[in-house]
Amino acid sequence: LGPAEARSYVATVRDKVLDVLDRLP
């Protein structure tokens, strides 16, 4: 992945991780 694509990818993953964390009991 190029720089812009890599940054977008890790940001998308992090958004999903925070959603996982928020939804875990």
PDB file of all heavy atoms in Angstrom:
ATOM      1  N   LEU A   1       0.847  -1.192   0.000  1.00  0.00           N
ATOM      2  CA  LEU A   1       0.000   0.000   0.000  1.00  0.00           C
ATOM      3  C   LEU A   1       0.883   1.243   0.000  1.00  0.00           C
ATOM      4  O   LEU A   1       1.896   1.294   0.701  1.00  0.00           O
ATOM      5  CB  LEU A   1      -0.895   0.014   1.235  1.00  0.00           C
ATOM      6  CG  LEU A   1      -1.874  -1.154   1.439  1.00  0.00           C
ATOM      7  CD1 LEU A   1      -2.713  -0.912   2.687  1.00  0.00           C
ATOM      8  CD2 LEU A   1      -2.758  -1.355   0.223  1.00  0.00           C
ATOM      9  N   GLY A   2       0.503   2.234  -0.779  1.00  0.00           N
ATOM     10  CA  GLY A   2       1.221   3.493  -0.757  1.00  0.00           C
ATOM     11  C   GLY A   2       0.921   4.269   0.511  1.00  0.00           C
ATOM     12  O   GLY A   2       0.033   3.900   1.298  1.00  0.00           O
ATOM     13  N   PRO A   3       1.634   5.368   0.755  1.00  0.00           N
ATOM     14  CA  PRO A   3       1.441   6.130   1.994  1.00  0.00           C
ATOM     15  C   PRO A   3      -0.002   6.540   2.267  1.00  0.00           C
ATOM     16  O   PRO A   3      -0.510   6.340   3.373  1.00  0.00           O
ATOM     17  CB  PRO A   3       2.351   7.344   1.797  1.00  0.00           C
ATOM     18  CG  PRO A   3       3.454   6.833   0.920  1.00  0.00           C
ATOM     19  CD  PRO A   3       2.777   5.884  -0.028  1.00  0.00           C
ATOM     20  N   ALA A   4      -0.675   7.116   1.270  1.00  0.00           N
ATOM     21  CA  ALA A   4      -2.051   7.572   1.490  1.00  0.00           C
ATOM     22  C   ALA A   4      -2.975   6.387   1.757  1.00  0.00           C
ATOM     23  O   ALA A   4      -3.835   6.437   2.647  1.00  0.00           O
ATOM     24  CB  ALA A   4      -2.536   8.376   0.288  1.00  0.00           C
ATOM     25  N   GLU A   5      -2.808   5.320   0.992  1.00  0.00           N
ATOM     26  CA  GLU A   5      -3.655   4.140   1.155  1.00  0.00           C
ATOM     27  C   GLU A   5      -3.400   3.470   2.498  1.00  0.00           C
ATOM     28  O   GLU A   5      -4.325   2.990   3.165  1.00  0.00           O
ATOM     29  CB  GLU A   5      -3.412   3.164   0.007  1.00  0.00           C
ATOM     30  CG  GLU A   5      -4.526   2.163  -0.191  1.00  0.00           C
ATOM     31  CD  GLU A   5      -4.328   1.326  -1.438  1.00  0.00           C
ATOM     32  OE1 GLU A   5      -3.239   1.403  -2.059  1.00  0.00           O
ATOM     33  OE2 GLU A   5      -5.258   0.570  -1.783  1.00  0.00           O
ATOM     34  N   ALA A   6      -2.130   3.417   2.923  1.00  0.00           N
ATOM     35  CA  ALA A   6      -1.796   2.817   4.215  1.00  0.00           C
ATOM     36  C   ALA A   6      -2.416   3.613   5.360  1.00  0.00           C
ATOM     37  O   ALA A   6      -2.970   3.039   6.309  1.00  0.00           O
ATOM     38  CB  ALA A   6      -0.281   2.736   4.382  1.00  0.00           C
ATOM     39  N   ARG A   7      -2.326   4.929   5.280  1.00  0.00           N
ATOM     40  CA  ARG A   7      -2.916   5.761   6.333  1.00  0.00           C
ATOM     41  C   ARG A   7      -4.433   5.602   6.386  1.00  0.00           C
ATOM     42  O   ARG A   7      -5.026   5.545   7.467  1.00  0.00           O
ATOM     43  CB  ARG A   7      -2.532   7.227   6.107  1.00  0.00           C
ATOM     44  CG  ARG A   7      -1.062   7.535   6.388  1.00  0.00           C
ATOM     45  CD  ARG A   7      -0.787   9.017   6.256  1.00  0.00           C
ATOM     46  NE  ARG A   7       0.550   9.361   6.717  1.00  0.00           N
ATOM     47  CZ  ARG A   7       1.547   9.767   5.915  1.00  0.00           C
ATOM     48  NH1 ARG A   7       1.340   9.879   4.603  1.00  0.00           N
ATOM     49  NH2 ARG A   7       2.725  10.063   6.413  1.00  0.00           N
ATOM     50  N   SER A   8      -5.063   5.538   5.227  1.00  0.00           N
ATOM     51  CA  SER A   8      -6.515   5.354   5.186  1.00  0.00           C
ATOM     52  C   SER A   8      -6.893   3.993   5.764  1.00  0.00           C
ATOM     53  O   SER A   8      -7.874   3.875   6.511  1.00  0.00           O
ATOM     54  CB  SER A   8      -7.007   5.474   3.745  1.00  0.00           C
ATOM     55  OG  SER A   8      -8.388   5.181   3.656  1.00  0.00           O
ATOM     56  N   TYR A   9      -6.102   2.979   5.446  1.00  0.00           N
ATOM     57  CA  TYR A   9      -6.380   1.625   5.924  1.00  0.00           C
ATOM     58  C   TYR A   9      -6.302   1.546   7.447  1.00  0.00           C
ATOM     59  O   TYR A   9      -7.216   1.033   8.102  1.00  0.00           O
ATOM     60  CB  TYR A   9      -5.397   0.647   5.278  1.00  0.00           C
ATOM     61  CG  TYR A   9      -5.418  -0.739   5.865  1.00  0.00           C
ATOM     62  CD1 TYR A   9      -6.554  -1.539   5.796  1.00  0.00           C
ATOM     63  CD2 TYR A   9      -4.279  -1.268   6.483  1.00  0.00           C
ATOM     64  CE1 TYR A   9      -6.569  -2.819   6.330  1.00  0.00           C
ATOM     65  CE2 TYR A   9      -4.291  -2.542   7.023  1.00  0.00           C
ATOM     66  CZ  TYR A   9      -5.436  -3.319   6.941  1.00  0.00           C
ATOM     67  OH  TYR A   9      -5.445  -4.578   7.482  1.00  0.00           O
ATOM     68  N   VAL A  10      -5.213   2.059   8.035  1.00  0.00           N
ATOM     69  CA  VAL A  10      -5.079   1.944   9.490  1.00  0.00           C
ATOM     70  C   VAL A  10      -6.138   2.779  10.203  1.00  0.00           C
ATOM     71  O   VAL A  10      -6.592   2.406  11.288  1.00  0.00           O
ATOM     72  CB  VAL A  10      -3.655   2.332   9.966  1.00  0.00           C
ATOM     73  CG1 VAL A  10      -2.599   1.406   9.363  1.00  0.00           C
ATOM     74  CG2 VAL A  10      -3.324   3.777   9.666  1.00  0.00           C
ATOM     75  N   ALA A  11      -6.563   3.888   9.591  1.00  0.00           N
ATOM     76  CA  ALA A  11      -7.620   4.699  10.202  1.00  0.00           C
ATOM     77  C   ALA A  11      -8.954   3.961  10.170  1.00  0.00           C
ATOM     78  O   ALA A  11      -9.714   3.980  11.150  1.00  0.00           O
ATOM     79  CB  ALA A  11      -7.738   6.037   9.474  1.00  0.00           C
ATOM     80  N   THR A  12      -9.254   3.294   9.050  1.00  0.00           N
ATOM     81  CA  THR A  12     -10.497   2.519   8.950  1.00  0.00           C
ATOM     82  C   THR A  12     -10.517   1.382   9.960  1.00  0.00           C
ATOM     83  O   THR A  12     -11.524   1.141  10.636  1.00  0.00           O
ATOM     84  CB  THR A  12     -10.659   1.955   7.523  1.00  0.00           C
ATOM     85  OG1 THR A  12     -10.731   3.042   6.595  1.00  0.00           O
ATOM     86  CG2 THR A  12     -11.914   1.107   7.409  1.00  0.00           C
ATOM     87  N   VAL A  13      -9.388   0.685  10.065  1.00  0.00           N
ATOM     88  CA  VAL A  13      -9.289  -0.411  11.029  1.00  0.00           C
ATOM     89  C   VAL A  13      -9.510   0.115  12.447  1.00  0.00           C
ATOM     90  O   VAL A  13     -10.256  -0.474  13.237  1.00  0.00           O
ATOM     91  CB  VAL A  13      -7.930  -1.126  10.905  1.00  0.00           C
ATOM     92  CG1 VAL A  13      -7.708  -2.088  12.074  1.00  0.00           C
ATOM     93  CG2 VAL A  13      -7.837  -1.867   9.577  1.00  0.00           C
ATOM     94  N   ARG A  14      -8.886   1.228  12.775  1.00  0.00           N
ATOM     95  CA  ARG A  14      -9.019   1.759  14.121  1.00  0.00           C
ATOM     96  C   ARG A  14     -10.470   2.141  14.437  1.00  0.00           C
ATOM     97  O   ARG A  14     -10.950   1.909  15.558  1.00  0.00           O
ATOM     98  CB  ARG A  14      -8.086   2.961  14.311  1.00  0.00           C
ATOM     99  CG  ARG A  14      -8.203   3.670  15.657  1.00  0.00           C
ATOM    100  CD  ARG A  14      -8.038   2.723  16.853  1.00  0.00           C
ATOM    101  NE  ARG A  14      -6.797   1.992  16.863  1.00  0.00           N
ATOM    102  CZ  ARG A  14      -5.635   2.438  17.326  1.00  0.00           C
ATOM    103  NH1 ARG A  14      -5.566   3.665  17.816  1.00  0.00           N
ATOM    104  NH2 ARG A  14      -4.574   1.669  17.312  1.00  0.00           N
ATOM    105  N   ASP A  15     -11.161   2.714  13.474  1.00  0.00           N
ATOM    106  CA  ASP A  15     -12.573   3.052  13.698  1.00  0.00           C
ATOM    107  C   ASP A  15     -13.371   1.795  14.040  1.00  0.00           C
ATOM    108  O   ASP A  15     -14.221   1.809  14.951  1.00  0.00           O
ATOM    109  CB  ASP A  15     -13.167   3.727  12.461  1.00  0.00           C
ATOM    110  CG  ASP A  15     -12.705   5.162  12.298  1.00  0.00           C
ATOM    111  OD1 ASP A  15     -12.168   5.725  13.278  1.00  0.00           O
ATOM    112  OD2 ASP A  15     -12.862   5.709  11.188  1.00  0.00           O
ATOM    113  N   LYS A  16     -13.109   0.725  13.333  1.00  0.00           N
ATOM    114  CA  LYS A  16     -13.828  -0.528  13.584  1.00  0.00           C
ATOM    115  C   LYS A  16     -13.438  -1.126  14.931  1.00  0.00           C
ATOM    116  O   LYS A  16     -14.269  -1.710  15.633  1.00  0.00           O
ATOM    117  CB  LYS A  16     -13.584  -1.517  12.447  1.00  0.00           C
ATOM    118  CG  LYS A  16     -14.216  -1.093  11.124  1.00  0.00           C
ATOM    119  CD  LYS A  16     -14.019  -2.121  10.049  1.00  0.00           C
ATOM    120  CE  LYS A  16     -14.700  -1.682   8.750  1.00  0.00           C
ATOM    121  NZ  LYS A  16     -16.176  -1.586   8.887  1.00  0.00           N
ATOM    122  N   VAL A  17     -12.173  -0.993  15.311  1.00  0.00           N
ATOM    123  CA  VAL A  17     -11.711  -1.510  16.599  1.00  0.00           C
ATOM    124  C   VAL A  17     -12.389  -0.779  17.748  1.00  0.00           C
ATOM    125  O   VAL A  17     -12.829  -1.395  18.730  1.00  0.00           O
ATOM    126  CB  VAL A  17     -10.176  -1.398  16.710  1.00  0.00           C
ATOM    127  CG1 VAL A  17      -9.705  -1.572  18.152  1.00  0.00           C
ATOM    128  CG2 VAL A  17      -9.515  -2.429  15.812  1.00  0.00           C
ATOM    129  N   LEU A  18     -12.499   0.534  17.642  1.00  0.00           N
ATOM    130  CA  LEU A  18     -13.158   1.293  18.702  1.00  0.00           C
ATOM    131  C   LEU A  18     -14.632   0.931  18.795  1.00  0.00           C
ATOM    132  O   LEU A  18     -15.214   0.915  19.886  1.00  0.00           O
ATOM    133  CB  LEU A  18     -12.976   2.793  18.453  1.00  0.00           C
ATOM    134  CG  LEU A  18     -11.534   3.296  18.580  1.00  0.00           C
ATOM    135  CD1 LEU A  18     -11.458   4.775  18.226  1.00  0.00           C
ATOM    136  CD2 LEU A  18     -10.976   3.048  19.977  1.00  0.00           C
ATOM    137  N   ASP A  19     -15.229   0.609  17.649  1.00  0.00           N
ATOM    138  CA  ASP A  19     -16.623   0.169  17.666  1.00  0.00           C
ATOM    139  C   ASP A  19     -16.735  -1.203  18.332  1.00  0.00           C
ATOM    140  O   ASP A  19     -17.667  -1.450  19.113  1.00  0.00           O
ATOM    141  CB  ASP A  19     -17.164   0.109  16.241  1.00  0.00           C
ATOM    142  CG  ASP A  19     -18.656  -0.206  16.207  1.00  0.00           C
ATOM    143  OD1 ASP A  19     -19.425   0.572  16.791  1.00  0.00           O
ATOM    144  OD2 ASP A  19     -19.028  -1.240  15.619  1.00  0.00           O
ATOM    145  N   VAL A  20     -15.790  -2.095  18.041  1.00  0.00           N
ATOM    146  CA  VAL A  20     -15.763  -3.407  18.705  1.00  0.00           C
ATOM    147  C   VAL A  20     -15.628  -3.225  20.211  1.00  0.00           C
ATOM    148  O   VAL A  20     -16.350  -3.848  21.005  1.00  0.00           O
ATOM    149  CB  VAL A  20     -14.607  -4.269  18.163  1.00  0.00           C
ATOM    150  CG1 VAL A  20     -14.370  -5.496  19.051  1.00  0.00           C
ATOM    151  CG2 VAL A  20     -14.876  -4.705  16.725  1.00  0.00           C
ATOM    152  N   LEU A  21     -14.684  -2.372  20.614  1.00  0.00           N
ATOM    153  CA  LEU A  21     -14.462  -2.127  22.039  1.00  0.00           C
ATOM    154  C   LEU A  21     -15.725  -1.571  22.698  1.00  0.00           C
ATOM    155  O   LEU A  21     -16.101  -1.985  23.799  1.00  0.00           O
ATOM    156  CB  LEU A  21     -13.299  -1.158  22.217  1.00  0.00           C
ATOM    157  CG  LEU A  21     -12.931  -0.770  23.651  1.00  0.00           C
ATOM    158  CD1 LEU A  21     -12.462  -1.990  24.446  1.00  0.00           C
ATOM    159  CD2 LEU A  21     -11.839   0.302  23.648  1.00  0.00           C
ATOM    160  N   ASP A  22     -16.380  -0.652  22.018  1.00  0.00           N
ATOM    161  CA  ASP A  22     -17.569  -0.019  22.578  1.00  0.00           C
ATOM    162  C   ASP A  22     -18.729  -1.002  22.727  1.00  0.00           C
ATOM    163  O   ASP A  22     -19.546  -0.881  23.644  1.00  0.00           O
ATOM    164  CB  ASP A  22     -18.002   1.146  21.676  1.00  0.00           C
ATOM    165  CG  ASP A  22     -19.107   1.973  22.305  1.00  0.00           C
ATOM    166  OD1 ASP A  22     -18.916   2.438  23.445  1.00  0.00           O
ATOM    167  OD2 ASP A  22     -20.162   2.144  21.659  1.00  0.00           O
ATOM    168  N   ARG A  23     -18.799  -1.999  21.854  1.00  0.00           N
ATOM    169  CA  ARG A  23     -19.923  -2.935  21.854  1.00  0.00           C
ATOM    170  C   ARG A  23     -19.672  -4.181  22.699  1.00  0.00           C
ATOM    171  O   ARG A  23     -20.607  -4.954  22.936  1.00  0.00           O
ATOM    172  CB  ARG A  23     -20.256  -3.348  20.420  1.00  0.00           C
ATOM    173  CG  ARG A  23     -20.836  -2.208  19.590  1.00  0.00           C
ATOM    174  CD  ARG A  23     -21.004  -2.603  18.134  1.00  0.00           C
ATOM    175  NE  ARG A  23     -21.495  -1.483  17.340  1.00  0.00           N
ATOM    176  CZ  ARG A  23     -22.777  -1.237  17.116  1.00  0.00           C
ATOM    177  NH1 ARG A  23     -23.708  -2.024  17.646  1.00  0.00           N
ATOM    178  NH2 ARG A  23     -23.142  -0.210  16.364  1.00  0.00           N
ATOM    179  N   LEU A  24     -18.409  -4.398  23.131  1.00  0.00           N
ATOM    180  CA  LEU A  24     -18.158  -5.541  23.990  1.00  0.00           C
ATOM    181  C   LEU A  24     -18.803  -5.326  25.352  1.00  0.00           C
ATOM    182  O   LEU A  24     -18.695  -4.241  25.919  1.00  0.00           O
ATOM    183  CB  LEU A  24     -16.651  -5.744  24.185  1.00  0.00           C
ATOM    184  CG  LEU A  24     -15.884  -6.520  23.118  1.00  0.00           C
ATOM    185  CD1 LEU A  24     -14.405  -6.544  23.476  1.00  0.00           C
ATOM    186  CD2 LEU A  24     -16.407  -7.946  22.969  1.00  0.00           C
ATOM    187  N   PRO A  25     -19.460  -6.352  25.899  1.00  0.00           N
ATOM    188  CA  PRO A  25     -20.007  -6.209  27.258  1.00  0.00           C
ATOM    189  C   PRO A  25     -18.890  -5.883  28.238  1.00  0.00           C
ATOM    190  O   PRO A  25     -17.770  -6.389  28.114  1.00  0.00           O
ATOM    191  CB  PRO A  25     -20.611  -7.580  27.545  1.00  0.00           C
ATOM    192  CG  PRO A  25     -20.817  -8.212  26.208  1.00  0.00           C
ATOM    193  CD  PRO A  25     -19.747  -7.662  25.319  1.00  0.00           C
TER     194      PRO A  25
END
